[in-house]
Amino acid sequence: RDRKGYGIRTMGAKSDNHFPTYLERQHVERFNMIEEVFNEIQSAMEIHALTELLVDINENIAERLSRFIQDLCEERQNIEAPDASQIVALRRLHWLKPVLSRKIDFMMEHFGCIDPIARQCHENARKLEWSSWALLIE
């Protein structure tokens, strides 16, 4: 019996227990999700609203982490540690910044957007950049 390629695509594939395979799948899914979100955007104002939302999320998480670092440095009692999911979210927003900047350029060109909106969207994207905790390393 000739199977004509059945299963060839999955030959050698490993489950999520294999860390490199897990990472590859995560990156593919993340890029696909970003493409789906951007395909839904129909105007320059929707891009602006998206960047504003991402900046708000970023600032809220960064504020909590900054407070945590400050409490650690001052050796306070009863320190409220951030959730691991908050740290992951902050890193993902940082990772999203260059992708978002390229999409903003493309979409602003496509929508023929006025310059102040494009500038504000790029400024918002720049705010997603997150430097690591150099203070803790010292």
N, C-alpha and C. Protein backbone atom coordinates (compact mmCIF):
# COMPACT_ATOMS: atom_id res chain seq x y z
N ARG A 1 0.84 -1.18 0.00
CA ARG A 1 0.00 0.00 0.00
C ARG A 1 0.89 1.24 0.00
N ASP A 2 0.60 2.18 -0.87
CA ASP A 2 1.36 3.41 -0.97
C ASP A 2 0.62 4.52 -0.23
N ARG A 3 1.26 5.12 0.76
CA ARG A 3 0.59 6.12 1.60
C ARG A 3 0.69 7.53 1.06
N LYS A 4 1.52 7.79 0.12
CA LYS A 4 1.64 9.11 -0.53
C LYS A 4 1.85 10.25 0.46
N GLY A 5 2.83 10.11 1.33
CA GLY A 5 3.22 11.21 2.20
C GLY A 5 2.54 11.28 3.55
N TYR A 6 1.65 10.34 3.83
CA TYR A 6 0.97 10.38 5.12
C TYR A 6 1.99 10.27 6.24
N GLY A 7 2.00 11.23 7.13
CA GLY A 7 2.89 11.18 8.28
C GLY A 7 4.29 11.71 8.03
N ILE A 8 4.62 12.04 6.79
CA ILE A 8 5.97 12.52 6.51
C ILE A 8 6.22 13.83 7.23
N ARG A 9 5.20 14.70 7.28
CA ARG A 9 5.37 16.00 7.92
C ARG A 9 5.73 15.85 9.40
N THR A 10 5.22 14.82 10.05
CA THR A 10 5.47 14.66 11.48
C THR A 10 6.60 13.69 11.79
N MET A 11 7.23 13.16 10.77
CA MET A 11 8.36 12.25 11.03
C MET A 11 9.48 13.03 11.70
N GLY A 12 9.99 12.51 12.77
CA GLY A 12 11.07 13.15 13.49
C GLY A 12 10.62 14.27 14.41
N ALA A 13 9.34 14.62 14.37
CA ALA A 13 8.83 15.67 15.26
C ALA A 13 8.78 15.14 16.68
N LYS A 14 9.01 16.02 17.59
CA LYS A 14 9.01 15.62 18.99
C LYS A 14 7.90 16.38 19.71
N SER A 15 7.57 15.90 20.88
CA SER A 15 6.49 16.54 21.65
C SER A 15 7.03 17.78 22.36
N ASP A 16 6.17 18.43 23.13
CA ASP A 16 6.59 19.60 23.89
C ASP A 16 7.56 19.25 25.01
N ASN A 17 7.76 17.99 25.27
CA ASN A 17 8.76 17.59 26.25
C ASN A 17 10.17 17.86 25.73
N HIS A 18 10.30 17.98 24.41
CA HIS A 18 11.58 18.32 23.77
C HIS A 18 11.63 19.84 23.68
N PHE A 19 12.48 20.48 24.50
CA PHE A 19 12.45 21.92 24.66
C PHE A 19 12.63 22.71 23.36
N PRO A 20 13.60 22.35 22.49
CA PRO A 20 13.72 23.10 21.23
C PRO A 20 12.45 23.04 20.36
N THR A 21 11.79 21.90 20.34
CA THR A 21 10.54 21.77 19.58
C THR A 21 9.46 22.64 20.21
N TYR A 22 9.41 22.65 21.52
CA TYR A 22 8.45 23.47 22.24
C TYR A 22 8.65 24.96 21.91
N LEU A 23 9.91 25.42 21.96
CA LEU A 23 10.21 26.82 21.65
C LEU A 23 9.83 27.18 20.22
N GLU A 24 10.15 26.29 19.30
CA GLU A 24 9.83 26.55 17.89
C GLU A 24 8.32 26.69 17.71
N ARG A 25 7.55 25.80 18.30
CA ARG A 25 6.10 25.87 18.19
C ARG A 25 5.56 27.15 18.82
N GLN A 26 6.12 27.53 19.97
CA GLN A 26 5.67 28.75 20.65
C GLN A 26 5.91 29.99 19.77
N HIS A 27 7.08 30.05 19.13
CA HIS A 27 7.38 31.21 18.28
C HIS A 27 6.47 31.25 17.06
N VAL A 28 6.23 30.11 16.45
CA VAL A 28 5.33 30.07 15.29
C VAL A 28 3.93 30.53 15.70
N GLU A 29 3.43 30.03 16.81
CA GLU A 29 2.10 30.42 17.27
C GLU A 29 2.04 31.90 17.63
N ARG A 30 3.10 32.43 18.22
CA ARG A 30 3.13 33.84 18.59
C ARG A 30 3.10 34.74 17.35
N PHE A 31 3.90 34.39 16.34
CA PHE A 31 3.91 35.18 15.11
C PHE A 31 2.56 35.09 14.40
N ASN A 32 1.97 33.91 14.40
CA ASN A 32 0.64 33.75 13.77
C ASN A 32 -0.40 34.59 14.48
N MET A 33 -0.34 34.63 15.81
CA MET A 33 -1.29 35.43 16.58
C MET A 33 -1.13 36.91 16.26
N ILE A 34 0.11 37.38 16.17
CA ILE A 34 0.36 38.78 15.84
C ILE A 34 -0.19 39.11 14.46
N GLU A 35 0.02 38.23 13.50
CA GLU A 35 -0.50 38.46 12.16
C GLU A 35 -2.03 38.54 12.17
N GLU A 36 -2.67 37.69 12.93
CA GLU A 36 -4.14 37.71 13.02
C GLU A 36 -4.63 39.03 13.61
N VAL A 37 -3.97 39.51 14.64
CA VAL A 37 -4.37 40.78 15.26
C VAL A 37 -4.22 41.91 14.25
N PHE A 38 -3.09 41.96 13.56
CA PHE A 38 -2.87 43.05 12.61
C PHE A 38 -3.77 42.95 11.39
N ASN A 39 -4.18 41.75 11.02
CA ASN A 39 -5.10 41.62 9.90
C ASN A 39 -6.48 42.16 10.23
N GLU A 40 -6.82 42.24 11.51
CA GLU A 40 -8.12 42.76 11.94
C GLU A 40 -8.16 44.29 11.98
N ILE A 41 -6.98 44.93 12.01
CA ILE A 41 -6.92 46.39 12.12
C ILE A 41 -7.32 47.02 10.79
N GLN A 42 -8.25 47.97 10.86
CA GLN A 42 -8.78 48.59 9.67
C GLN A 42 -8.48 50.08 9.55
N SER A 43 -7.90 50.70 10.58
CA SER A 43 -7.64 52.14 10.50
C SER A 43 -6.42 52.50 11.34
N ALA A 44 -5.91 53.70 11.08
CA ALA A 44 -4.77 54.19 11.84
C ALA A 44 -5.13 54.38 13.32
N MET A 45 -6.38 54.77 13.59
CA MET A 45 -6.79 54.96 14.98
C MET A 45 -6.83 53.63 15.73
N GLU A 46 -7.12 52.55 15.05
CA GLU A 46 -7.09 51.23 15.71
C GLU A 46 -5.66 50.85 16.07
N ILE A 47 -4.71 51.19 15.22
CA ILE A 47 -3.30 50.94 15.55
C ILE A 47 -2.93 51.76 16.79
N HIS A 48 -3.35 53.02 16.78
CA HIS A 48 -3.06 53.90 17.92
C HIS A 48 -3.67 53.33 19.20
N ALA A 49 -4.91 52.90 19.14
CA ALA A 49 -5.58 52.33 20.32
C ALA A 49 -4.84 51.08 20.81
N LEU A 50 -4.37 50.25 19.89
CA LEU A 50 -3.62 49.04 20.26
C LEU A 50 -2.33 49.41 20.97
N THR A 51 -1.59 50.38 20.42
CA THR A 51 -0.33 50.76 21.07
C THR A 51 -0.58 51.38 22.44
N GLU A 52 -1.65 52.16 22.58
CA GLU A 52 -1.99 52.74 23.89
C GLU A 52 -2.29 51.63 24.91
N LEU A 53 -3.05 50.62 24.49
CA LEU A 53 -3.38 49.51 25.38
C LEU A 53 -2.12 48.77 25.82
N LEU A 54 -1.22 48.49 24.88
CA LEU A 54 0.01 47.77 25.21
C LEU A 54 0.89 48.58 26.16
N VAL A 55 0.94 49.89 25.96
CA VAL A 55 1.73 50.74 26.85
C VAL A 55 1.13 50.74 28.26
N ASP A 56 -0.18 50.81 28.37
CA ASP A 56 -0.83 50.77 29.69
C ASP A 56 -0.51 49.47 30.42
N ILE A 57 -0.61 48.36 29.71
CA ILE A 57 -0.28 47.06 30.32
C ILE A 57 1.17 47.05 30.76
N ASN A 58 2.06 47.51 29.87
CA ASN A 58 3.49 47.53 30.16
C ASN A 58 3.79 48.39 31.39
N GLU A 59 3.19 49.58 31.47
CA GLU A 59 3.46 50.48 32.59
C GLU A 59 2.96 49.90 33.92
N ASN A 60 1.80 49.25 33.90
CA ASN A 60 1.28 48.65 35.13
C ASN A 60 2.20 47.55 35.65
N ILE A 61 2.65 46.70 34.75
CA ILE A 61 3.53 45.61 35.17
C ILE A 61 4.88 46.16 35.61
N ALA A 62 5.43 47.10 34.85
CA ALA A 62 6.74 47.67 35.18
C ALA A 62 6.70 48.38 36.53
N GLU A 63 5.59 49.03 36.84
CA GLU A 63 5.46 49.70 38.14
C GLU A 63 5.51 48.68 39.27
N ARG A 64 4.82 47.57 39.12
CA ARG A 64 4.85 46.53 40.16
C ARG A 64 6.25 45.96 40.34
N LEU A 65 6.94 45.74 39.22
CA LEU A 65 8.29 45.18 39.31
C LEU A 65 9.27 46.19 39.91
N SER A 66 9.10 47.46 39.57
CA SER A 66 9.97 48.49 40.14
C SER A 66 9.78 48.59 41.66
N ARG A 67 8.53 48.51 42.08
CA ARG A 67 8.24 48.54 43.51
C ARG A 67 8.89 47.34 44.21
N PHE A 68 8.83 46.19 43.57
CA PHE A 68 9.45 44.98 44.13
C PHE A 68 10.96 45.15 44.26
N ILE A 69 11.59 45.69 43.22
CA ILE A 69 13.04 45.91 43.26
C ILE A 69 13.41 46.90 44.35
N GLN A 70 12.64 47.98 44.45
CA GLN A 70 12.91 48.98 45.47
C GLN A 70 12.78 48.37 46.87
N ASP A 71 11.76 47.55 47.08
CA ASP A 71 11.59 46.88 48.38
C ASP A 71 12.76 45.96 48.68
N LEU A 72 13.26 45.27 47.67
CA LEU A 72 14.42 44.39 47.87
C LEU A 72 15.66 45.19 48.25
N CYS A 73 15.88 46.28 47.56
CA CYS A 73 17.06 47.11 47.82
C CYS A 73 17.02 47.74 49.20
N GLU A 74 15.83 48.07 49.65
CA GLU A 74 15.69 48.68 50.97
C GLU A 74 15.52 47.63 52.07
N GLU A 75 15.56 46.37 51.69
CA GLU A 75 15.47 45.25 52.62
C GLU A 75 14.26 45.35 53.53
N ARG A 76 13.13 45.65 52.94
CA ARG A 76 11.88 45.75 53.69
C ARG A 76 11.34 44.37 54.04
N GLN A 77 10.46 44.34 55.01
CA GLN A 77 9.79 43.11 55.40
C GLN A 77 8.50 42.98 54.58
N ASN A 78 7.99 41.78 54.48
CA ASN A 78 6.73 41.50 53.77
C ASN A 78 6.72 42.03 52.34
N ILE A 79 7.72 41.67 51.59
CA ILE A 79 7.84 42.11 50.20
C ILE A 79 6.86 41.32 49.34
N GLU A 80 6.10 42.02 48.52
CA GLU A 80 5.16 41.37 47.62
C GLU A 80 5.86 41.08 46.29
N ALA A 81 6.15 39.82 46.05
CA ALA A 81 6.85 39.43 44.83
C ALA A 81 5.89 39.39 43.65
N PRO A 82 6.35 39.79 42.47
CA PRO A 82 5.49 39.72 41.29
C PRO A 82 5.31 38.27 40.85
N ASP A 83 4.22 38.03 40.17
CA ASP A 83 3.99 36.70 39.61
C ASP A 83 4.95 36.46 38.45
N ALA A 84 5.29 35.21 38.25
CA ALA A 84 6.15 34.87 37.11
C ALA A 84 5.47 35.27 35.80
N SER A 85 4.15 35.16 35.75
CA SER A 85 3.43 35.51 34.52
C SER A 85 3.57 37.00 34.19
N GLN A 86 3.73 37.85 35.21
CA GLN A 86 3.92 39.28 34.97
C GLN A 86 5.29 39.55 34.35
N ILE A 87 6.29 38.84 34.83
CA ILE A 87 7.63 39.00 34.28
C ILE A 87 7.66 38.49 32.83
N VAL A 88 7.02 37.37 32.58
CA VAL A 88 6.94 36.83 31.22
C VAL A 88 6.21 37.81 30.32
N ALA A 89 5.12 38.39 30.80
CA ALA A 89 4.36 39.36 30.00
C ALA A 89 5.21 40.57 29.64
N LEU A 90 6.01 41.05 30.58
CA LEU A 90 6.87 42.19 30.31
C LEU A 90 7.92 41.85 29.25
N ARG A 91 8.48 40.66 29.34
CA ARG A 91 9.46 40.24 28.33
C ARG A 91 8.80 40.08 26.96
N ARG A 92 7.58 39.58 26.94
CA ARG A 92 6.89 39.42 25.65
C ARG A 92 6.56 40.76 25.04
N LEU A 93 6.18 41.74 25.85
CA LEU A 93 5.94 43.07 25.32
C LEU A 93 7.22 43.67 24.76
N HIS A 94 8.34 43.43 25.44
CA HIS A 94 9.64 43.89 24.93
C HIS A 94 9.95 43.21 23.59
N TRP A 95 9.67 41.92 23.52
CA TRP A 95 9.92 41.16 22.29
C TRP A 95 9.01 41.66 21.17
N LEU A 96 7.83 42.11 21.49
CA LEU A 96 6.86 42.57 20.50
C LEU A 96 7.24 43.91 19.88
N LYS A 97 8.06 44.70 20.56
CA LYS A 97 8.37 46.05 20.12
C LYS A 97 8.87 46.13 18.68
N PRO A 98 9.92 45.39 18.28
CA PRO A 98 10.39 45.54 16.89
C PRO A 98 9.36 45.06 15.86
N VAL A 99 8.62 44.03 16.20
CA VAL A 99 7.58 43.53 15.30
C VAL A 99 6.50 44.60 15.14
N LEU A 100 6.09 45.19 16.25
CA LEU A 100 5.07 46.23 16.23
C LEU A 100 5.54 47.44 15.43
N SER A 101 6.79 47.84 15.60
CA SER A 101 7.32 48.99 14.86
C SER A 101 7.28 48.77 13.36
N ARG A 102 7.67 47.58 12.92
CA ARG A 102 7.61 47.27 11.48
C ARG A 102 6.18 47.29 10.97
N LYS A 103 5.27 46.73 11.75
CA LYS A 103 3.86 46.70 11.35
C LYS A 103 3.28 48.12 11.31
N ILE A 104 3.68 48.96 12.26
CA ILE A 104 3.20 50.34 12.26
C ILE A 104 3.64 51.03 10.98
N ASP A 105 4.91 50.89 10.61
CA ASP A 105 5.41 51.49 9.38
C ASP A 105 4.61 51.03 8.17
N PHE A 106 4.42 49.72 8.07
CA PHE A 106 3.69 49.17 6.93
C PHE A 106 2.26 49.67 6.90
N MET A 107 1.59 49.63 8.03
CA MET A 107 0.18 49.98 8.06
C MET A 107 -0.04 51.48 7.90
N MET A 108 0.85 52.29 8.43
CA MET A 108 0.70 53.73 8.26
C MET A 108 0.87 54.10 6.78
N GLU A 109 1.79 53.43 6.12
CA GLU A 109 1.97 53.65 4.68
C GLU A 109 0.72 53.20 3.92
N HIS A 110 0.18 52.07 4.35
CA HIS A 110 -1.01 51.51 3.70
C HIS A 110 -2.24 52.39 3.91
N PHE A 111 -2.41 52.93 5.12
CA PHE A 111 -3.57 53.75 5.43
C PHE A 111 -3.39 55.21 5.02
N GLY A 112 -2.16 55.58 4.65
CA GLY A 112 -1.90 56.97 4.31
C GLY A 112 -2.14 57.88 5.50
N CYS A 113 -1.59 57.50 6.62
CA CYS A 113 -1.89 58.15 7.89
C CYS A 113 -1.20 59.50 8.02
N ILE A 114 -1.81 60.37 8.82
CA ILE A 114 -1.19 61.65 9.10
C ILE A 114 -0.03 61.45 10.07
N ASP A 115 0.96 62.30 9.95
CA ASP A 115 2.22 62.14 10.68
C ASP A 115 2.09 62.12 12.19
N PRO A 116 1.30 62.97 12.84
CA PRO A 116 1.24 62.92 14.32
C PRO A 116 0.78 61.58 14.87
N ILE A 117 -0.15 60.92 14.21
CA ILE A 117 -0.61 59.61 14.69
C ILE A 117 0.51 58.59 14.55
N ALA A 118 1.19 58.60 13.42
CA ALA A 118 2.30 57.67 13.20
C ALA A 118 3.40 57.90 14.24
N ARG A 119 3.72 59.18 14.49
CA ARG A 119 4.74 59.49 15.50
C ARG A 119 4.35 58.98 16.88
N GLN A 120 3.08 59.18 17.26
CA GLN A 120 2.62 58.72 18.57
C GLN A 120 2.65 57.20 18.67
N CYS A 121 2.27 56.52 17.59
CA CYS A 121 2.32 55.05 17.59
C CYS A 121 3.76 54.55 17.78
N HIS A 122 4.71 55.18 17.10
CA HIS A 122 6.11 54.79 17.25
C HIS A 122 6.62 55.11 18.66
N GLU A 123 6.20 56.24 19.19
CA GLU A 123 6.59 56.59 20.56
C GLU A 123 6.04 55.55 21.55
N ASN A 124 4.81 55.15 21.35
CA ASN A 124 4.22 54.12 22.21
C ASN A 124 4.98 52.80 22.08
N ALA A 125 5.35 52.43 20.86
CA ALA A 125 6.10 51.19 20.66
C ALA A 125 7.45 51.26 21.37
N ARG A 126 8.10 52.42 21.34
CA ARG A 126 9.39 52.58 22.04
C ARG A 126 9.24 52.37 23.55
N LYS A 127 8.10 52.72 24.10
CA LYS A 127 7.86 52.56 25.54
C LYS A 127 7.78 51.09 25.96
N LEU A 128 7.63 50.20 24.99
CA LEU A 128 7.55 48.77 25.32
C LEU A 128 8.91 48.17 25.62
N GLU A 129 9.97 48.90 25.32
CA GLU A 129 11.31 48.38 25.56
C GLU A 129 11.54 48.27 27.06
N TRP A 130 12.13 47.17 27.47
CA TRP A 130 12.33 46.92 28.89
C TRP A 130 13.78 46.53 29.12
N SER A 131 14.46 47.31 29.92
CA SER A 131 15.83 46.95 30.26
C SER A 131 15.79 45.97 31.43
N SER A 132 16.78 45.13 31.49
CA SER A 132 16.80 44.15 32.57
C SER A 132 17.12 44.84 33.90
N TRP A 133 17.08 44.11 34.94
CA TRP A 133 17.27 44.65 36.28
C TRP A 133 18.73 44.77 36.64
N ALA A 134 19.40 45.74 36.08
CA ALA A 134 20.82 45.91 36.39
C ALA A 134 21.03 46.20 37.86
N LEU A 135 20.05 46.83 38.47
CA LEU A 135 20.16 47.20 39.89
C LEU A 135 20.30 45.96 40.78
N LEU A 136 19.62 44.89 40.39
CA LEU A 136 19.70 43.67 41.20
C LEU A 136 21.04 42.97 41.04
N ILE A 137 21.66 43.12 39.88
CA ILE A 137 22.94 42.45 39.62
C ILE A 137 24.05 43.10 40.44
N GLU A 138 23.95 44.41 40.63
CA GLU A 138 24.98 45.12 41.40
C GLU A 138 24.96 44.69 42.79
